[in-house]
C-alpha atoms as a PDB file:
ATOM      1  CA  UNK A   1       6.162  -7.848  -2.177  1.00  0.00           C
ATOM      2  CA  UNK A   2       7.112  -5.842  -5.255  1.00  0.00           C
ATOM      3  CA  UNK A   3       4.074  -4.526  -7.033  1.00  0.00           C
ATOM      4  CA  UNK A   4       3.913  -3.703 -10.714  1.00  0.00           C
ATOM      5  CA  UNK A   5       3.729   0.029 -11.518  1.00  0.00           C
ATOM      6  CA  UNK A   6       0.223   1.432 -11.798  1.00  0.00           C
ATOM      7  CA  UNK A   7      -0.632   2.532 -15.350  1.00  0.00           C
ATOM      8  CA  UNK A   8      -1.830   6.138 -15.398  1.00  0.00           C
ATOM      9  CA  UNK A   9      -2.988   8.670 -17.977  1.00  0.00           C
ATOM     10  CA  UNK A  10      -1.809  12.245 -18.459  1.00  0.00           C
ATOM     11  CA  UNK A  11      -4.838  13.533 -16.496  1.00  0.00           C
ATOM     12  CA  UNK A  12      -4.026  11.262 -13.556  1.00  0.00           C
ATOM     13  CA  UNK A  13      -0.406  12.400 -13.731  1.00  0.00           C
ATOM     14  CA  UNK A  14      -1.563  16.013 -13.353  1.00  0.00           C
ATOM     15  CA  UNK A  15      -3.559  15.023 -10.247  1.00  0.00           C
ATOM     16  CA  UNK A  16      -0.459  13.373  -8.799  1.00  0.00           C
ATOM     17  CA  UNK A  17       1.501  16.544  -9.566  1.00  0.00           C
ATOM     18  CA  UNK A  18      -1.061  18.578  -7.582  1.00  0.00           C
ATOM     19  CA  UNK A  19      -0.597  16.223  -4.608  1.00  0.00           C
ATOM     20  CA  UNK A  20       3.176  16.715  -4.914  1.00  0.00           C
ATOM     21  CA  UNK A  21       2.768  20.479  -4.765  1.00  0.00           C
ATOM     22  CA  UNK A  22       0.753  20.095  -1.541  1.00  0.00           C
ATOM     23  CA  UNK A  23       3.466  17.753  -0.185  1.00  0.00           C
ATOM     24  CA  UNK A  24       0.864  15.062   0.345  1.00  0.00           C
ATOM     25  CA  UNK A  25       1.823  11.426   0.924  1.00  0.00           C
ATOM     26  CA  UNK A  26      -1.040  10.204  -1.276  1.00  0.00           C
ATOM     27  CA  UNK A  27       1.157  10.450  -4.374  1.00  0.00           C
ATOM     28  CA  UNK A  28       3.852   8.034  -3.164  1.00  0.00           C
ATOM     29  CA  UNK A  29       4.107   4.981  -5.404  1.00  0.00           C
ATOM     30  CA  UNK A  30       5.263   3.552  -8.729  1.00  0.00           C
ATOM     31  CA  UNK A  31       3.555   4.671 -11.918  1.00  0.00           C
ATOM     32  CA  UNK A  32       3.795   3.783 -15.608  1.00  0.00           C
ATOM     33  CA  UNK A  33       3.175   6.642 -18.044  1.00  0.00           C
ATOM     34  CA  UNK A  34       3.628   6.071 -21.793  1.00  0.00           C
ATOM     35  CA  UNK A  35       6.247   3.384 -21.187  1.00  0.00           C
ATOM     36  CA  UNK A  36       8.140   5.378 -18.544  1.00  0.00           C
ATOM     37  CA  UNK A  37       8.314   4.213 -14.954  1.00  0.00           C
ATOM     38  CA  UNK A  38       7.929   7.016 -12.430  1.00  0.00           C
ATOM     39  CA  UNK A  39       8.785   6.341  -8.806  1.00  0.00           C
ATOM     40  CA  UNK A  40       7.700   8.877  -6.197  1.00  0.00           C
ATOM     41  CA  UNK A  41       9.062   8.521  -2.689  1.00  0.00           C
ATOM     42  CA  UNK A  42      10.335  10.716   0.103  1.00  0.00           C
ATOM     43  CA  UNK A  43      13.951  11.798  -0.110  1.00  0.00           C
ATOM     44  CA  UNK A  44      16.220  10.336   2.572  1.00  0.00           C
ATOM     45  CA  UNK A  45      13.450   8.177   4.030  1.00  0.00           C
ATOM     46  CA  UNK A  46      14.719   5.059   5.766  1.00  0.00           C
ATOM     47  CA  UNK A  47      13.643   1.582   4.737  1.00  0.00           C
ATOM     48  CA  UNK A  48      11.679   1.041   7.926  1.00  0.00           C
ATOM     49  CA  UNK A  49       9.796   4.322   7.367  1.00  0.00           C
ATOM     50  CA  UNK A  50       8.818   3.184   3.865  1.00  0.00           C
ATOM     51  CA  UNK A  51       7.655  -0.206   5.144  1.00  0.00           C
ATOM     52  CA  UNK A  52       5.564   1.385   7.921  1.00  0.00           C
ATOM     53  CA  UNK A  53       3.988   3.788   5.429  1.00  0.00           C
ATOM     54  CA  UNK A  54       3.002   0.900   3.130  1.00  0.00           C
ATOM     55  CA  UNK A  55       1.798  -1.156   6.109  1.00  0.00           C
ATOM     56  CA  UNK A  56      -0.420   1.651   7.425  1.00  0.00           C
ATOM     57  CA  UNK A  57      -1.724   2.542   3.965  1.00  0.00           C
ATOM     58  CA  UNK A  58      -2.779  -1.053   3.211  1.00  0.00           C
ATOM     59  CA  UNK A  59      -4.180  -1.619   6.695  1.00  0.00           C
ATOM     60  CA  UNK A  60      -6.346   1.525   6.537  1.00  0.00           C
ATOM     61  CA  UNK A  61      -7.814   0.326   3.219  1.00  0.00           C
ATOM     62  CA  UNK A  62      -8.671  -3.093   4.698  1.00  0.00           C
ATOM     63  CA  UNK A  63      -6.079  -4.945   2.610  1.00  0.00           C
ATOM     64  CA  UNK A  64      -3.675  -7.717   3.583  1.00  0.00           C
ATOM     65  CA  UNK A  65      -0.319  -6.088   4.350  1.00  0.00           C
ATOM     66  CA  UNK A  66       1.523  -8.844   2.441  1.00  0.00           C
ATOM     67  CA  UNK A  67      -0.474  -9.473  -0.760  1.00  0.00           C
ATOM     68  CA  UNK A  68      -2.995  -6.575  -0.865  1.00  0.00           C
ATOM     69  CA  UNK A  69      -6.031  -8.867  -1.054  1.00  0.00           C
ATOM     70  CA  UNK A  70      -9.125  -7.631   0.800  1.00  0.00           C
ATOM     71  CA  UNK A  71      -9.325  -8.862   4.406  1.00  0.00           C
ATOM     72  CA  UNK A  72     -12.780 -10.148   5.320  1.00  0.00           C
ATOM     73  CA  UNK A  73     -12.454 -11.362   8.901  1.00  0.00           C
ATOM     74  CA  UNK A  74     -12.796  -9.090  11.914  1.00  0.00           C
ATOM     75  CA  UNK A  75     -10.854  -9.471  15.148  1.00  0.00           C
ATOM     76  CA  UNK A  76     -13.400 -10.248  17.864  1.00  0.00           C
ATOM     77  CA  UNK A  77     -11.409  -8.504  20.576  1.00  0.00           C
ATOM     78  CA  UNK A  78     -10.619  -5.188  18.843  1.00  0.00           C
ATOM     79  CA  UNK A  79     -13.517  -5.091  16.379  1.00  0.00           C
ATOM     80  CA  UNK A  80     -11.119  -4.183  13.549  1.00  0.00           C
ATOM     81  CA  UNK A  81     -10.120  -6.109  10.437  1.00  0.00           C
ATOM     82  CA  UNK A  82      -7.151  -8.422  10.757  1.00  0.00           C
ATOM     83  CA  UNK A  83      -3.910  -7.222   9.142  1.00  0.00           C
ATOM     84  CA  UNK A  84      -3.510 -10.446   7.129  1.00  0.00           C
ATOM     85  CA  UNK A  85      -5.793 -12.438   4.829  1.00  0.00           C
ATOM     86  CA  UNK A  86      -6.662 -16.026   5.795  1.00  0.00           C
ATOM     87  CA  UNK A  87      -3.863 -17.439   3.618  1.00  0.00           C
ATOM     88  CA  UNK A  88      -1.164 -15.346   5.272  1.00  0.00           C
ATOM     89  CA  UNK A  89      -2.654 -15.729   8.743  1.00  0.00           C
ATOM     90  CA  UNK A  90      -2.134 -19.476   8.343  1.00  0.00           C
ATOM     91  CA  UNK A  91       1.459 -19.130   7.121  1.00  0.00           C
ATOM     92  CA  UNK A  92       2.762 -16.019   8.915  1.00  0.00           C
ATOM     93  CA  UNK A  93       0.970 -16.160  12.258  1.00  0.00           C
ATOM     94  CA  UNK A  94       0.827 -19.991  12.407  1.00  0.00           C
ATOM     95  CA  UNK A  95      -2.873 -19.650  13.152  1.00  0.00           C
ATOM     96  CA  UNK A  96      -4.616 -23.009  13.660  1.00  0.00           C
ATOM     97  CA  UNK A  97      -8.270 -22.028  13.552  1.00  0.00           C
END
């Protein structure tokens, strides 16, 4: 579940800095700038809070919460995208469809 740091430029780093000044959660993540790894997270945030933030962020973008691949199937009951891709639905949810 560990993702490689996102490579960013100086201009993108300045945008992230502006988000930090506004105390926005959009800047949370791991970044790679000129060979330096920068990790931005909330201070004293519990592990479950971090996991829920990542879960909600991926789910709102329509990505699988495990592997971040785009989810294509829609739940017929709720009308929303599933939280897992077909591969992880088969392994995690034991779906036999």
